[in-house]
Amino acid sequence: MKGTEFISISDLCANYQLEISFFNQLHDVGLIEIITHKKTPCVSLETINDVEKMIRMHHDLNINIQGIDVAFNLLKKVEYLNNELNSLKNKLRLYEDDF
């Protein structure tokens, strides 16, 4: 992961008033990857948007870790299906243009 920037878990805890156990639980269910960078547990800045979505779900909607896991799996499935739909629409346009 050369060139990847990180944000420490302790900074996230301080900014969002969360316990480190929240991030450990997200890591345990496979929602985030905790990377040790210079002996400090961190997450990649590439994933910070998803992490912030998870935090908002937890704070604003009072959703537990299991609920966040279900929601993110459904969101990934919806994204996949939208991509598949767009791909099929593009293929269909190719055939429509021939007639």
PDB file of N, CA and C in Angstrom:
ATOM      1  N   MET A   1       0.821  -1.184   0.000  1.00  0.00           N
ATOM      2  CA  MET A   1       0.000   0.000   0.000  1.00  0.00           C
ATOM      3  C   MET A   1       0.863   1.244   0.000  1.00  0.00           C
ATOM      4  N   LYS A   2       1.757   1.340  -0.929  1.00  0.00           N
ATOM      5  CA  LYS A   2       2.621   2.493  -1.015  1.00  0.00           C
ATOM      6  C   LYS A   2       1.823   3.719  -1.402  1.00  0.00           C
ATOM      7  N   GLY A   3       2.094   4.848  -0.739  1.00  0.00           N
ATOM      8  CA  GLY A   3       1.424   6.092  -1.063  1.00  0.00           C
ATOM      9  C   GLY A   3       0.060   6.249  -0.394  1.00  0.00           C
ATOM     10  N   THR A   4      -0.381   5.246   0.324  1.00  0.00           N
ATOM     11  CA  THR A   4      -1.670   5.321   0.995  1.00  0.00           C
ATOM     12  C   THR A   4      -1.503   6.098   2.302  1.00  0.00           C
ATOM     13  N   GLU A   5      -2.462   6.975   2.549  1.00  0.00           N
ATOM     14  CA  GLU A   5      -2.436   7.732   3.789  1.00  0.00           C
ATOM     15  C   GLU A   5      -3.392   7.094   4.784  1.00  0.00           C
ATOM     16  N   PHE A   6      -3.153   7.344   6.048  1.00  0.00           N
ATOM     17  CA  PHE A   6      -3.905   6.707   7.109  1.00  0.00           C
ATOM     18  C   PHE A   6      -4.422   7.747   8.092  1.00  0.00           C
ATOM     19  N   ILE A   7      -5.463   7.366   8.816  1.00  0.00           N
ATOM     20  CA  ILE A   7      -5.943   8.149   9.951  1.00  0.00           C
ATOM     21  C   ILE A   7      -6.014   7.196  11.135  1.00  0.00           C
ATOM     22  N   SER A   8      -5.524   7.654  12.258  1.00  0.00           N
ATOM     23  CA  SER A   8      -5.448   6.758  13.411  1.00  0.00           C
ATOM     24  C   SER A   8      -6.829   6.540  14.022  1.00  0.00           C
ATOM     25  N   ILE A   9      -7.000   5.370  14.576  1.00  0.00           N
ATOM     26  CA  ILE A   9      -8.246   5.023  15.257  1.00  0.00           C
ATOM     27  C   ILE A   9      -8.465   5.964  16.440  1.00  0.00           C
ATOM     28  N   SER A  10      -7.394   6.329  17.135  1.00  0.00           N
ATOM     29  CA  SER A  10      -7.543   7.221  18.295  1.00  0.00           C
ATOM     30  C   SER A  10      -8.050   8.600  17.860  1.00  0.00           C
ATOM     31  N   ASP A  11      -7.620   9.084  16.689  1.00  0.00           N
ATOM     32  CA  ASP A  11      -8.147  10.359  16.167  1.00  0.00           C
ATOM     33  C   ASP A  11      -9.630  10.240  15.843  1.00  0.00           C
ATOM     34  N   LEU A  12     -10.017   9.121  15.246  1.00  0.00           N
ATOM     35  CA  LEU A  12     -11.434   8.902  14.938  1.00  0.00           C
ATOM     36  C   LEU A  12     -12.261   8.834  16.220  1.00  0.00           C
ATOM     37  N   CYS A  13     -11.734   8.156  17.221  1.00  0.00           N
ATOM     38  CA  CYS A  13     -12.441   8.058  18.502  1.00  0.00           C
ATOM     39  C   CYS A  13     -12.631   9.446  19.117  1.00  0.00           C
ATOM     40  N   ALA A  14     -11.598  10.260  19.079  1.00  0.00           N
ATOM     41  CA  ALA A  14     -11.680  11.597  19.654  1.00  0.00           C
ATOM     42  C   ALA A  14     -12.656  12.484  18.864  1.00  0.00           C
ATOM     43  N   ASN A  15     -12.600  12.406  17.533  1.00  0.00           N
ATOM     44  CA  ASN A  15     -13.450  13.265  16.701  1.00  0.00           C
ATOM     45  C   ASN A  15     -14.926  12.891  16.772  1.00  0.00           C
ATOM     46  N   TYR A  16     -15.215  11.610  16.912  1.00  0.00           N
ATOM     47  CA  TYR A  16     -16.607  11.148  16.863  1.00  0.00           C
ATOM     48  C   TYR A  16     -17.124  10.661  18.219  1.00  0.00           C
ATOM     49  N   GLN A  17     -16.364  10.888  19.277  1.00  0.00           N
ATOM     50  CA  GLN A  17     -16.739  10.466  20.631  1.00  0.00           C
ATOM     51  C   GLN A  17     -17.158   8.992  20.662  1.00  0.00           C
ATOM     52  N   LEU A  18     -16.290   8.145  20.163  1.00  0.00           N
ATOM     53  CA  LEU A  18     -16.532   6.703  20.139  1.00  0.00           C
ATOM     54  C   LEU A  18     -15.432   5.984  20.896  1.00  0.00           C
ATOM     55  N   GLU A  19     -15.752   4.795  21.339  1.00  0.00           N
ATOM     56  CA  GLU A  19     -14.764   3.934  21.980  1.00  0.00           C
ATOM     57  C   GLU A  19     -14.019   3.151  20.902  1.00  0.00           C
ATOM     58  N   ILE A  20     -12.799   2.768  21.192  1.00  0.00           N
ATOM     59  CA  ILE A  20     -12.021   1.982  20.236  1.00  0.00           C
ATOM     60  C   ILE A  20     -12.694   0.637  19.975  1.00  0.00           C
ATOM     61  N   SER A  21     -13.480   0.165  20.917  1.00  0.00           N
ATOM     62  CA  SER A  21     -14.171  -1.117  20.742  1.00  0.00           C
ATOM     63  C   SER A  21     -15.133  -1.075  19.542  1.00  0.00           C
ATOM     64  N   PHE A  22     -15.697   0.096  19.236  1.00  0.00           N
ATOM     65  CA  PHE A  22     -16.575   0.231  18.065  1.00  0.00           C
ATOM     66  C   PHE A  22     -15.808  -0.148  16.796  1.00  0.00           C
ATOM     67  N   PHE A  23     -14.613   0.377  16.647  1.00  0.00           N
ATOM     68  CA  PHE A  23     -13.807   0.097  15.461  1.00  0.00           C
ATOM     69  C   PHE A  23     -13.296  -1.338  15.464  1.00  0.00           C
ATOM     70  N   ASN A  24     -12.988  -1.857  16.640  1.00  0.00           N
ATOM     71  CA  ASN A  24     -12.579  -3.264  16.734  1.00  0.00           C
ATOM     72  C   ASN A  24     -13.713  -4.185  16.313  1.00  0.00           C
ATOM     73  N   GLN A  25     -14.941  -3.843  16.698  1.00  0.00           N
ATOM     74  CA  GLN A  25     -16.094  -4.653  16.300  1.00  0.00           C
ATOM     75  C   GLN A  25     -16.324  -4.568  14.793  1.00  0.00           C
ATOM     76  N   LEU A  26     -16.170  -3.368  14.215  1.00  0.00           N
ATOM     77  CA  LEU A  26     -16.294  -3.234  12.760  1.00  0.00           C
ATOM     78  C   LEU A  26     -15.252  -4.097  12.061  1.00  0.00           C
ATOM     79  N   HIS A  27     -14.056  -4.118  12.622  1.00  0.00           N
ATOM     80  CA  HIS A  27     -12.978  -4.941  12.061  1.00  0.00           C
ATOM     81  C   HIS A  27     -13.294  -6.433  12.218  1.00  0.00           C
ATOM     82  N   ASP A  28     -13.829  -6.814  13.374  1.00  0.00           N
ATOM     83  CA  ASP A  28     -14.133  -8.222  13.643  1.00  0.00           C
ATOM     84  C   ASP A  28     -15.167  -8.796  12.668  1.00  0.00           C
ATOM     85  N   VAL A  29     -16.145  -7.980  12.260  1.00  0.00           N
ATOM     86  CA  VAL A  29     -17.157  -8.476  11.313  1.00  0.00           C
ATOM     87  C   VAL A  29     -16.723  -8.272   9.864  1.00  0.00           C
ATOM     88  N   GLY A  30     -15.542  -7.673   9.650  1.00  0.00           N
ATOM     89  CA  GLY A  30     -14.997  -7.535   8.304  1.00  0.00           C
ATOM     90  C   GLY A  30     -15.414  -6.289   7.568  1.00  0.00           C
ATOM     91  N   LEU A  31     -15.949  -5.298   8.266  1.00  0.00           N
ATOM     92  CA  LEU A  31     -16.381  -4.076   7.591  1.00  0.00           C
ATOM     93  C   LEU A  31     -15.240  -3.102   7.335  1.00  0.00           C
ATOM     94  N   ILE A  32     -14.241  -3.112   8.199  1.00  0.00           N
ATOM     95  CA  ILE A  32     -13.075  -2.245   7.990  1.00  0.00           C
ATOM     96  C   ILE A  32     -11.817  -3.065   8.201  1.00  0.00           C
ATOM     97  N   GLU A  33     -10.744  -2.550   7.649  1.00  0.00           N
ATOM     98  CA  GLU A  33      -9.427  -3.158   7.862  1.00  0.00           C
ATOM     99  C   GLU A  33      -8.615  -2.212   8.731  1.00  0.00           C
ATOM    100  N   ILE A  34      -8.191  -2.697   9.860  1.00  0.00           N
ATOM    101  CA  ILE A  34      -7.331  -1.903  10.740  1.00  0.00           C
ATOM    102  C   ILE A  34      -5.888  -2.248  10.413  1.00  0.00           C
ATOM    103  N   ILE A  35      -5.138  -1.209  10.080  1.00  0.00           N
ATOM    104  CA  ILE A  35      -3.743  -1.357   9.675  1.00  0.00           C
ATOM    105  C   ILE A  35      -2.875  -0.740  10.760  1.00  0.00           C
ATOM    106  N   THR A  36      -1.803  -1.405  11.115  1.00  0.00           N
ATOM    107  CA  THR A  36      -0.864  -0.830  12.070  1.00  0.00           C
ATOM    108  C   THR A  36       0.188  -0.059  11.281  1.00  0.00           C
ATOM    109  N   HIS A  37       0.190   1.245  11.490  1.00  0.00           N
ATOM    110  CA  HIS A  37       1.119   2.131  10.788  1.00  0.00           C
ATOM    111  C   HIS A  37       1.928   2.882  11.844  1.00  0.00           C
ATOM    112  N   LYS A  38       3.209   2.668  11.872  1.00  0.00           N
ATOM    113  CA  LYS A  38       4.100   3.255  12.879  1.00  0.00           C
ATOM    114  C   LYS A  38       3.604   2.935  14.289  1.00  0.00           C
ATOM    115  N   LYS A  39       3.255   1.677  14.493  1.00  0.00           N
ATOM    116  CA  LYS A  39       2.804   1.138  15.780  1.00  0.00           C
ATOM    117  C   LYS A  39       1.485   1.745  16.259  1.00  0.00           C
ATOM    118  N   THR A  40       0.712   2.347  15.345  1.00  0.00           N
ATOM    119  CA  THR A  40      -0.571   2.952  15.691  1.00  0.00           C
ATOM    120  C   THR A  40      -1.654   2.309  14.840  1.00  0.00           C
ATOM    121  N   PRO A  41      -2.743   1.829  15.455  1.00  0.00           N
ATOM    122  CA  PRO A  41      -3.846   1.279  14.661  1.00  0.00           C
ATOM    123  C   PRO A  41      -4.517   2.388  13.857  1.00  0.00           C
ATOM    124  N   CYS A  42      -4.678   2.122  12.561  1.00  0.00           N
ATOM    125  CA  CYS A  42      -5.208   3.136  11.644  1.00  0.00           C
ATOM    126  C   CYS A  42      -6.162   2.492  10.640  1.00  0.00           C
ATOM    127  N   VAL A  43      -6.881   3.357   9.936  1.00  0.00           N
ATOM    128  CA  VAL A  43      -7.640   2.940   8.760  1.00  0.00           C
ATOM    129  C   VAL A  43      -7.159   3.782   7.587  1.00  0.00           C
ATOM    130  N   SER A  44      -7.297   3.238   6.416  1.00  0.00           N
ATOM    131  CA  SER A  44      -6.866   3.928   5.206  1.00  0.00           C
ATOM    132  C   SER A  44      -7.816   5.084   4.898  1.00  0.00           C
ATOM    133  N   LEU A  45      -7.271   6.189   4.418  1.00  0.00           N
ATOM    134  CA  LEU A  45      -8.110   7.321   4.022  1.00  0.00           C
ATOM    135  C   LEU A  45      -9.007   6.969   2.838  1.00  0.00           C
ATOM    136  N   GLU A  46      -8.632   5.939   2.093  1.00  0.00           N
ATOM    137  CA  GLU A  46      -9.457   5.491   0.972  1.00  0.00           C
ATOM    138  C   GLU A  46     -10.808   4.966   1.438  1.00  0.00           C
ATOM    139  N   THR A  47     -10.864   4.481   2.672  1.00  0.00           N
ATOM    140  CA  THR A  47     -12.104   3.895   3.191  1.00  0.00           C
ATOM    141  C   THR A  47     -12.833   4.808   4.166  1.00  0.00           C
ATOM    142  N   ILE A  48     -12.349   6.032   4.330  1.00  0.00           N
ATOM    143  CA  ILE A  48     -12.918   6.905   5.359  1.00  0.00           C
ATOM    144  C   ILE A  48     -14.378   7.261   5.075  1.00  0.00           C
ATOM    145  N   ASN A  49     -14.766   7.343   3.804  1.00  0.00           N
ATOM    146  CA  ASN A  49     -16.175   7.635   3.497  1.00  0.00           C
ATOM    147  C   ASN A  49     -17.093   6.551   4.036  1.00  0.00           C
ATOM    148  N   ASP A  50     -16.710   5.293   3.838  1.00  0.00           N
ATOM    149  CA  ASP A  50     -17.509   4.185   4.363  1.00  0.00           C
ATOM    150  C   ASP A  50     -17.496   4.177   5.891  1.00  0.00           C
ATOM    151  N   VAL A  51     -16.354   4.467   6.474  1.00  0.00           N
ATOM    152  CA  VAL A  51     -16.258   4.499   7.936  1.00  0.00           C
ATOM    153  C   VAL A  51     -17.187   5.581   8.486  1.00  0.00           C
ATOM    154  N   GLU A  52     -17.203   6.744   7.856  1.00  0.00           N
ATOM    155  CA  GLU A  52     -18.074   7.822   8.317  1.00  0.00           C
ATOM    156  C   GLU A  52     -19.549   7.465   8.136  1.00  0.00           C
ATOM    157  N   LYS A  53     -19.881   6.737   7.078  1.00  0.00           N
ATOM    158  CA  LYS A  53     -21.264   6.264   6.908  1.00  0.00           C
ATOM    159  C   LYS A  53     -21.649   5.337   8.043  1.00  0.00           C
ATOM    160  N   MET A  54     -20.732   4.450   8.410  1.00  0.00           N
ATOM    161  CA  MET A  54     -20.995   3.512   9.513  1.00  0.00           C
ATOM    162  C   MET A  54     -21.172   4.258  10.824  1.00  0.00           C
ATOM    163  N   ILE A  55     -20.361   5.275  11.035  1.00  0.00           N
ATOM    164  CA  ILE A  55     -20.467   6.074  12.263  1.00  0.00           C
ATOM    165  C   ILE A  55     -21.813   6.795  12.300  1.00  0.00           C
ATOM    166  N   ARG A  56     -22.231   7.363  11.162  1.00  0.00           N
ATOM    167  CA  ARG A  56     -23.527   8.058  11.121  1.00  0.00           C
ATOM    168  C   ARG A  56     -24.675   7.090  11.357  1.00  0.00           C
ATOM    169  N   MET A  57     -24.585   5.894  10.792  1.00  0.00           N
ATOM    170  CA  MET A  57     -25.623   4.889  11.043  1.00  0.00           C
ATOM    171  C   MET A  57     -25.715   4.585  12.529  1.00  0.00           C
ATOM    172  N   HIS A  58     -24.558   4.457  13.159  1.00  0.00           N
ATOM    173  CA  HIS A  58     -24.509   4.127  14.580  1.00  0.00           C
ATOM    174  C   HIS A  58     -25.024   5.288  15.434  1.00  0.00           C
ATOM    175  N   HIS A  59     -24.547   6.501  15.141  1.00  0.00           N
ATOM    176  CA  HIS A  59     -24.919   7.669  15.938  1.00  0.00           C
ATOM    177  C   HIS A  59     -26.356   8.117  15.648  1.00  0.00           C
ATOM    178  N   ASP A  60     -26.650   8.399  14.384  1.00  0.00           N
ATOM    179  CA  ASP A  60     -27.917   9.024  14.018  1.00  0.00           C
ATOM    180  C   ASP A  60     -29.093   8.055  14.051  1.00  0.00           C
ATOM    181  N   LEU A  61     -28.859   6.827  13.638  1.00  0.00           N
ATOM    182  CA  LEU A  61     -29.943   5.856  13.528  1.00  0.00           C
ATOM    183  C   LEU A  61     -29.931   4.816  14.649  1.00  0.00           C
ATOM    184  N   ASN A  62     -28.890   4.881  15.490  1.00  0.00           N
ATOM    185  CA  ASN A  62     -28.755   3.956  16.615  1.00  0.00           C
ATOM    186  C   ASN A  62     -28.757   2.493  16.153  1.00  0.00           C
ATOM    187  N   ILE A  63     -28.030   2.236  15.068  1.00  0.00           N
ATOM    188  CA  ILE A  63     -27.923   0.889  14.517  1.00  0.00           C
ATOM    189  C   ILE A  63     -26.700   0.210  15.122  1.00  0.00           C
ATOM    190  N   ASN A  64     -26.876  -1.035  15.532  1.00  0.00           N
ATOM    191  CA  ASN A  64     -25.753  -1.773  16.112  1.00  0.00           C
ATOM    192  C   ASN A  64     -24.840  -2.317  15.006  1.00  0.00           C
ATOM    193  N   ILE A  65     -23.759  -2.938  15.412  1.00  0.00           N
ATOM    194  CA  ILE A  65     -22.748  -3.429  14.463  1.00  0.00           C
ATOM    195  C   ILE A  65     -23.340  -4.430  13.478  1.00  0.00           C
ATOM    196  N   GLN A  66     -24.167  -5.335  13.964  1.00  0.00           N
ATOM    197  CA  GLN A  66     -24.770  -6.338  13.086  1.00  0.00           C
ATOM    198  C   GLN A  66     -25.683  -5.670  12.054  1.00  0.00           C
ATOM    199  N   GLY A  67     -26.410  -4.645  12.474  1.00  0.00           N
ATOM    200  CA  GLY A  67     -27.278  -3.916  11.548  1.00  0.00           C
ATOM    201  C   GLY A  67     -26.476  -3.170  10.494  1.00  0.00           C
ATOM    202  N   ILE A  68     -25.352  -2.596  10.912  1.00  0.00           N
ATOM    203  CA  ILE A  68     -24.472  -1.909   9.958  1.00  0.00           C
ATOM    204  C   ILE A  68     -23.928  -2.909   8.951  1.00  0.00           C
ATOM    205  N   ASP A  69     -23.567  -4.090   9.429  1.00  0.00           N
ATOM    206  CA  ASP A  69     -23.055  -5.145   8.544  1.00  0.00           C
ATOM    207  C   ASP A  69     -24.110  -5.510   7.500  1.00  0.00           C
ATOM    208  N   VAL A  70     -25.339  -5.722   7.935  1.00  0.00           N
ATOM    209  CA  VAL A  70     -26.428  -6.060   7.008  1.00  0.00           C
ATOM    210  C   VAL A  70     -26.646  -4.922   6.014  1.00  0.00           C
ATOM    211  N   ALA A  71     -26.702  -3.683   6.504  1.00  0.00           N
ATOM    212  CA  ALA A  71     -26.942  -2.532   5.637  1.00  0.00           C
ATOM    213  C   ALA A  71     -25.847  -2.402   4.578  1.00  0.00           C
ATOM    214  N   PHE A  72     -24.590  -2.556   4.977  1.00  0.00           N
ATOM    215  CA  PHE A  72     -23.505  -2.418   4.004  1.00  0.00           C
ATOM    216  C   PHE A  72     -23.495  -3.555   2.995  1.00  0.00           C
ATOM    217  N   ASN A  73     -23.835  -4.766   3.424  1.00  0.00           N
ATOM    218  CA  ASN A  73     -23.938  -5.871   2.467  1.00  0.00           C
ATOM    219  C   ASN A  73     -25.048  -5.607   1.458  1.00  0.00           C
ATOM    220  N   LEU A  74     -26.176  -5.070   1.921  1.00  0.00           N
ATOM    221  CA  LEU A  74     -27.272  -4.734   1.000  1.00  0.00           C
ATOM    222  C   LEU A  74     -26.874  -3.593   0.063  1.00  0.00           C
ATOM    223  N   LEU A  75     -26.182  -2.590   0.584  1.00  0.00           N
ATOM    224  CA  LEU A  75     -25.737  -1.481  -0.263  1.00  0.00           C
ATOM    225  C   LEU A  75     -24.766  -1.964  -1.344  1.00  0.00           C
ATOM    226  N   LYS A  76     -23.871  -2.894  -0.993  1.00  0.00           N
ATOM    227  CA  LYS A  76     -22.947  -3.462  -1.981  1.00  0.00           C
ATOM    228  C   LYS A  76     -23.717  -4.228  -3.061  1.00  0.00           C
ATOM    229  N   LYS A  77     -24.738  -4.971  -2.632  1.00  0.00           N
ATOM    230  CA  LYS A  77     -25.540  -5.737  -3.579  1.00  0.00           C
ATOM    231  C   LYS A  77     -26.305  -4.799  -4.518  1.00  0.00           C
ATOM    232  N   VAL A  78     -26.868  -3.722  -3.981  1.00  0.00           N
ATOM    233  CA  VAL A  78     -27.588  -2.737  -4.804  1.00  0.00           C
ATOM    234  C   VAL A  78     -26.631  -2.100  -5.806  1.00  0.00           C
ATOM    235  N   GLU A  79     -25.429  -1.745  -5.360  1.00  0.00           N
ATOM    236  CA  GLU A  79     -24.432  -1.160  -6.254  1.00  0.00           C
ATOM    237  C   GLU A  79     -24.068  -2.137  -7.376  1.00  0.00           C
ATOM    238  N   TYR A  80     -23.871  -3.413  -7.030  1.00  0.00           N
ATOM    239  CA  TYR A  80     -23.559  -4.432  -8.027  1.00  0.00           C
ATOM    240  C   TYR A  80     -24.706  -4.555  -9.032  1.00  0.00           C
ATOM    241  N   LEU A  81     -25.927  -4.610  -8.537  1.00  0.00           N
ATOM    242  CA  LEU A  81     -27.081  -4.759  -9.427  1.00  0.00           C
ATOM    243  C   LEU A  81     -27.267  -3.535 -10.320  1.00  0.00           C
ATOM    244  N   ASN A  82     -26.994  -2.337  -9.799  1.00  0.00           N
ATOM    245  CA  ASN A  82     -27.061  -1.132 -10.632  1.00  0.00           C
ATOM    246  C   ASN A  82     -26.020  -1.170 -11.737  1.00  0.00           C
ATOM    247  N   ASN A  83     -24.820  -1.620 -11.401  1.00  0.00           N
ATOM    248  CA  ASN A  83     -23.773  -1.740 -12.416  1.00  0.00           C
ATOM    249  C   ASN A  83     -24.171  -2.762 -13.482  1.00  0.00           C
ATOM    250  N   GLU A  84     -24.739  -3.878 -13.041  1.00  0.00           N
ATOM    251  CA  GLU A  84     -25.192  -4.914 -13.970  1.00  0.00           C
ATOM    252  C   GLU A  84     -26.304  -4.385 -14.868  1.00  0.00           C
ATOM    253  N   LEU A  85     -27.244  -3.638 -14.297  1.00  0.00           N
ATOM    254  CA  LEU A  85     -28.335  -3.050 -15.067  1.00  0.00           C
ATOM    255  C   LEU A  85     -27.807  -2.072 -16.108  1.00  0.00           C
ATOM    256  N   ASN A  86     -26.863  -1.223 -15.724  1.00  0.00           N
ATOM    257  CA  ASN A  86     -26.278  -0.277 -16.680  1.00  0.00           C
ATOM    258  C   ASN A  86     -25.547  -1.007 -17.802  1.00  0.00           C
ATOM    259  N   SER A  87     -24.840  -2.076 -17.453  1.00  0.00           N
ATOM    260  CA  SER A  87     -24.145  -2.862 -18.462  1.00  0.00           C
ATOM    261  C   SER A  87     -25.127  -3.473 -19.453  1.00  0.00           C
ATOM    262  N   LEU A  88     -26.220  -4.026 -18.941  1.00  0.00           N
ATOM    263  CA  LEU A  88     -27.222  -4.632 -19.820  1.00  0.00           C
ATOM    264  C   LEU A  88     -27.931  -3.590 -20.680  1.00  0.00           C
ATOM    265  N   LYS A  89     -28.170  -2.417 -20.125  1.00  0.00           N
ATOM    266  CA  LYS A  89     -28.772  -1.328 -20.908  1.00  0.00           C
ATOM    267  C   LYS A  89     -27.859  -0.916 -22.060  1.00  0.00           C
ATOM    268  N   ASN A  90     -26.555  -0.857 -21.770  1.00  0.00           N
ATOM    269  CA  ASN A  90     -25.596  -0.497 -22.817  1.00  0.00           C
ATOM    270  C   ASN A  90     -25.567  -1.548 -23.922  1.00  0.00           C
ATOM    271  N   LYS A  91     -25.620  -2.812 -23.545  1.00  0.00           N
ATOM    272  CA  LYS A  91     -25.644  -3.883 -24.544  1.00  0.00           C
ATOM    273  C   LYS A  91     -26.922  -3.815 -25.369  1.00  0.00           C
ATOM    274  N   LEU A  92     -28.023  -3.539 -24.714  1.00  0.00           N
ATOM    275  CA  LEU A  92     -29.299  -3.439 -25.413  1.00  0.00           C
ATOM    276  C   LEU A  92     -29.286  -2.277 -26.404  1.00  0.00           C
ATOM    277  N   ARG A  93     -28.684  -1.161 -26.026  1.00  0.00           N
ATOM    278  CA  ARG A  93     -28.584  -0.005 -26.930  1.00  0.00           C
ATOM    279  C   ARG A  93     -27.814  -0.373 -28.206  1.00  0.00           C
ATOM    280  N   LEU A  94     -26.793  -1.218 -28.062  1.00  0.00           N
ATOM    281  CA  LEU A  94     -26.031  -1.638 -29.233  1.00  0.00           C
ATOM    282  C   LEU A  94     -26.948  -2.345 -30.242  1.00  0.00           C
ATOM    283  N   TYR A  95     -27.827  -3.216 -29.736  1.00  0.00           N
ATOM    284  CA  TYR A  95     -28.734  -3.948 -30.602  1.00  0.00           C
ATOM    285  C   TYR A  95     -29.837  -3.055 -31.150  1.00  0.00           C
ATOM    286  N   GLU A  96     -30.292  -2.099 -30.371  1.00  0.00           N
ATOM    287  CA  GLU A  96     -31.340  -1.187 -30.813  1.00  0.00           C
ATOM    288  C   GLU A  96     -30.839  -0.281 -31.933  1.00  0.00           C
ATOM    289  N   ASP A  97     -29.563   0.118 -31.835  1.00  0.00           N
ATOM    290  CA  ASP A  97     -28.990   1.005 -32.846  1.00  0.00           C
ATOM    291  C   ASP A  97     -28.850   0.315 -34.190  1.00  0.00           C
ATOM    292  N   ASP A  98     -28.792  -1.023 -34.189  1.00  0.00           N
ATOM    293  CA  ASP A  98     -28.651  -1.771 -35.443  1.00  0.00           C
ATOM    294  C   ASP A  98     -29.943  -1.784 -36.239  1.00  0.00           C
ATOM    295  N   PHE A  99     -31.069  -1.544 -35.590  1.00  0.00           N
ATOM    296  CA  PHE A  99     -32.352  -1.616 -36.293  1.00  0.00           C
ATOM    297  C   PHE A  99     -32.827  -0.281 -36.710  1.00  0.00           C
TER     298      PHE A  99
END
